[in-house]
């Protein structure tokens, strides 16, 4: 599927042809139909690899025995990555994801709903628990998106970061320091939301 990922990443779903993908992989033109059933199913399989990889890396981040800081470290660290190691998305996965932001396909929406939707809900339940509410509401879901957005650039936009702040990612512990700060800020946002609700509930 690596050749399919490269072709889809370079040309997008609509412009990529199954004939071109098979040629790049050195396969017969009937191979896609035999193994996947068609272009949609091949694209779905290609998309699921990086998405499912992220979901797998996140497994256990919401374990009841973990503190909020420990859960956030696992959660945000997945997107930031380790020093000397790639973040959650490989290059072709990043390009596919970015293409989907401007050329959305129903296949991507289905893949995200199946693999990322449950992770989002798990994050929302974790935050609700630490905020002190019984179940996630709209503001909790907004907080989920806010926390993930803070870490997202370390996964998706490193070339942009290097162009704007070229020394930010330098050094053997650069990503470790980034994770530490992100966890601090995330805890502050959770504490703010908890306090905001406490003050609202206490108002006459």
Protein backbone atom coordinates (compact mmCIF):
# COMPACT_ATOMS: atom_id res chain seq x y z
CA UNK A 1 0.00 0.00 0.00
CA UNK A 2 3.00 2.31 0.27
CA UNK A 3 2.98 3.02 -3.47
CA UNK A 4 -0.75 3.72 -3.35
CA UNK A 5 -0.18 6.13 -0.45
CA UNK A 6 2.45 8.00 -2.46
CA UNK A 7 0.24 8.33 -5.54
CA UNK A 8 -2.81 9.41 -3.52
CA UNK A 9 -0.66 11.89 -1.57
CA UNK A 10 0.81 13.40 -4.74
CA UNK A 11 -2.35 13.57 -6.85
CA UNK A 12 -5.28 13.35 -4.47
CA UNK A 13 -8.03 10.77 -4.54
CA UNK A 14 -9.89 12.05 -7.62
CA UNK A 15 -6.81 12.41 -9.87
CA UNK A 16 -5.10 9.17 -8.86
CA UNK A 17 -5.88 6.21 -11.14
CA UNK A 18 -5.83 2.57 -10.20
CA UNK A 19 -3.80 1.84 -13.34
CA UNK A 20 -1.11 4.31 -12.22
CA UNK A 21 -1.05 2.84 -8.72
CA UNK A 22 -0.66 -0.70 -10.04
CA UNK A 23 2.11 0.40 -12.40
CA UNK A 24 3.98 2.09 -9.53
CA UNK A 25 3.67 -1.06 -7.43
CA UNK A 26 4.58 -3.36 -10.33
CA UNK A 27 1.23 -5.15 -10.14
CA UNK A 28 -1.39 -6.28 -12.63
CA UNK A 29 -4.25 -3.79 -13.12
CA UNK A 30 -6.66 -6.35 -11.64
CA UNK A 31 -4.72 -6.53 -8.36
CA UNK A 32 -6.64 -3.69 -6.68
CA UNK A 33 -9.99 -5.25 -7.47
CA UNK A 34 -8.78 -8.65 -6.28
CA UNK A 35 -7.29 -7.46 -2.98
CA UNK A 36 -9.46 -4.46 -2.11
CA UNK A 37 -12.57 -4.50 -4.26
CA UNK A 38 -12.02 -1.10 -5.83
CA UNK A 39 -10.46 2.35 -5.59
CA UNK A 40 -12.65 3.46 -2.65
CA UNK A 41 -11.69 0.47 -0.55
CA UNK A 42 -8.00 0.85 -1.41
CA UNK A 43 -8.09 4.51 -0.43
CA UNK A 44 -9.88 3.64 2.79
CA UNK A 45 -7.19 1.07 3.62
CA UNK A 46 -4.43 3.59 2.88
CA UNK A 47 -6.08 6.23 5.09
CA UNK A 48 -6.66 3.84 7.96
CA UNK A 49 -2.96 2.97 8.34
CA UNK A 50 -1.84 6.34 9.83
CA UNK A 51 -5.17 6.98 11.57
CA UNK A 52 -5.24 3.56 13.21
CA UNK A 53 -1.57 4.01 14.07
CA UNK A 54 -2.39 7.12 16.08
CA UNK A 55 -5.29 5.37 17.81
CA UNK A 56 -2.96 2.49 18.73
CA UNK A 57 -0.32 4.85 20.16
CA UNK A 58 -3.00 6.49 22.29
CA UNK A 59 -4.18 3.23 23.84
CA UNK A 60 -4.32 3.47 27.62
CA UNK A 61 -3.90 7.25 27.86
CA UNK A 62 -7.16 7.46 29.85
CA UNK A 63 -6.46 4.65 32.32
CA UNK A 64 -8.16 5.46 35.65
CA UNK A 65 -4.92 5.11 37.64
CA UNK A 66 -3.13 7.87 35.70
CA UNK A 67 -3.02 11.46 36.87
CA UNK A 68 -4.22 14.19 34.52
CA UNK A 69 -0.60 15.13 33.80
CA UNK A 70 0.31 11.53 32.95
CA UNK A 71 -2.72 11.17 30.65
CA UNK A 72 -1.93 14.44 28.91
CA UNK A 73 1.72 13.41 28.51
CA UNK A 74 0.66 10.26 26.67
CA UNK A 75 -2.01 12.06 24.68
CA UNK A 76 -0.07 15.12 23.54
CA UNK A 77 3.21 13.22 23.28
CA UNK A 78 1.72 11.07 20.53
CA UNK A 79 1.40 14.13 18.31
CA UNK A 80 4.68 15.76 19.33
CA UNK A 81 6.72 12.56 18.98
CA UNK A 82 10.03 11.61 20.58
CA UNK A 83 13.39 13.27 19.99
CA UNK A 84 15.02 11.53 17.07
CA UNK A 85 11.78 9.77 16.09
CA UNK A 86 8.88 10.77 13.81
CA UNK A 87 5.60 12.06 15.17
CA UNK A 88 2.31 10.28 14.67
CA UNK A 89 2.03 10.71 10.87
CA UNK A 90 4.58 9.56 8.34
CA UNK A 91 5.21 11.95 5.43
CA UNK A 92 2.70 10.40 3.04
CA UNK A 93 0.14 10.21 5.82
CA UNK A 94 0.61 13.93 6.49
CA UNK A 95 0.21 14.79 2.83
CA UNK A 96 -2.95 12.69 2.57
CA UNK A 97 -4.38 14.35 5.67
CA UNK A 98 -3.58 17.84 4.40
CA UNK A 99 -5.11 17.04 1.03
CA UNK A 100 -8.28 15.97 2.80
CA UNK A 101 -8.46 19.38 4.45
CA UNK A 102 -8.90 21.03 1.05
CA UNK A 103 -10.32 18.12 -0.98
CA UNK A 104 -12.51 16.22 1.52
CA UNK A 105 -13.81 12.81 0.55
CA UNK A 106 -16.58 10.72 2.14
CA UNK A 107 -14.06 7.91 2.57
CA UNK A 108 -11.94 10.06 4.90
CA UNK A 109 -14.97 11.08 6.96
CA UNK A 110 -15.89 7.42 7.43
CA UNK A 111 -12.34 6.45 8.42
CA UNK A 112 -12.08 9.29 10.94
CA UNK A 113 -15.50 8.50 12.37
CA UNK A 114 -14.56 4.86 12.83
CA UNK A 115 -11.05 5.26 14.26
CA UNK A 116 -10.68 8.80 15.63
CA UNK A 117 -14.25 9.37 16.79
CA UNK A 118 -13.93 6.89 19.69
CA UNK A 119 -10.58 8.42 20.69
CA UNK A 120 -12.11 11.91 20.72
CA UNK A 121 -14.94 10.64 22.93
CA UNK A 122 -12.42 9.03 25.29
CA UNK A 123 -10.51 12.32 25.59
CA UNK A 124 -13.76 14.16 26.25
CA UNK A 125 -14.71 11.71 29.02
CA UNK A 126 -11.24 12.06 30.55
CA UNK A 127 -11.48 15.85 30.61
CA UNK A 128 -15.03 15.77 31.94
CA UNK A 129 -13.85 13.56 34.80
CA UNK A 130 -11.06 15.97 35.75
CA UNK A 131 -13.28 19.01 35.32
CA UNK A 132 -15.88 17.42 37.58
CA UNK A 133 -18.86 17.00 35.28
CA UNK A 134 -20.82 13.81 34.76
CA UNK A 135 -20.62 13.78 30.97
CA UNK A 136 -18.92 15.80 28.20
CA UNK A 137 -20.85 18.80 26.93
CA UNK A 138 -20.13 21.21 24.07
CA UNK A 139 -17.48 23.14 26.01
CA UNK A 140 -15.66 19.92 26.90
CA UNK A 141 -15.60 18.96 23.23
CA UNK A 142 -14.27 22.42 22.37
CA UNK A 143 -11.54 21.90 24.95
CA UNK A 144 -10.60 18.57 23.33
CA UNK A 145 -10.11 20.28 19.97
CA UNK A 146 -8.15 23.08 21.64
CA UNK A 147 -5.72 20.74 23.38
CA UNK A 148 -5.11 18.65 20.26
CA UNK A 149 -4.63 21.81 18.19
CA UNK A 150 -1.82 22.93 20.51
CA UNK A 151 0.17 19.79 19.67
CA UNK A 152 -0.88 19.48 16.06
CA UNK A 153 1.82 21.64 14.51
CA UNK A 154 4.54 19.42 15.96
CA UNK A 155 3.00 16.58 13.97
CA UNK A 156 1.82 18.27 10.77
CA UNK A 157 3.69 21.56 10.31
CA UNK A 158 7.32 21.10 11.28
CA UNK A 159 8.62 22.62 8.05
CA UNK A 160 6.54 25.72 8.75
CA UNK A 161 7.78 25.82 12.34
CA UNK A 162 11.39 25.51 11.18
CA UNK A 163 10.88 28.39 8.75
CA UNK A 164 9.34 30.69 11.38
CA UNK A 165 11.37 29.68 14.46
CA UNK A 166 14.34 27.66 13.14
CA UNK A 167 15.92 26.98 16.55
CA UNK A 168 12.76 25.81 18.28
CA UNK A 169 13.18 22.15 17.36
CA UNK A 170 16.97 22.05 17.68
CA UNK A 171 18.74 20.14 20.42
CA UNK A 172 18.46 16.62 21.81
CA UNK A 173 15.67 17.49 24.25
CA UNK A 174 13.69 19.97 22.11
CA UNK A 175 10.61 17.79 21.79
CA UNK A 176 10.76 16.74 25.44
CA UNK A 177 10.65 20.41 26.45
CA UNK A 178 7.79 21.02 24.03
CA UNK A 179 5.80 18.15 25.51
CA UNK A 180 6.44 19.44 29.03
CA UNK A 181 5.16 22.92 28.19
CA UNK A 182 2.12 21.57 26.32
CA UNK A 183 1.17 19.43 29.31
CA UNK A 184 1.53 22.46 31.61
CA UNK A 185 -0.70 24.58 29.38
CA UNK A 186 -3.23 21.79 28.96
CA UNK A 187 -3.51 21.38 32.73
CA UNK A 188 -3.99 25.13 33.06
CA UNK A 189 -6.83 25.06 30.53
CA UNK A 190 -8.53 22.16 32.32
CA UNK A 191 -8.17 24.00 35.63
CA UNK A 192 -9.60 27.17 34.06
CA UNK A 193 -12.62 25.28 32.75
CA UNK A 194 -13.16 23.68 36.16
CA UNK A 195 -12.93 27.05 37.90
CA UNK A 196 -15.17 28.74 35.33
CA UNK A 197 -17.90 26.21 35.94
CA UNK A 198 -17.48 26.47 39.69
CA UNK A 199 -17.95 30.25 39.58
CA UNK A 200 -20.92 29.93 37.23
CA UNK A 201 -22.61 27.41 39.49
CA UNK A 202 -21.94 29.58 42.55
CA UNK A 203 -23.50 32.69 40.98
CA UNK A 204 -26.93 33.60 42.38
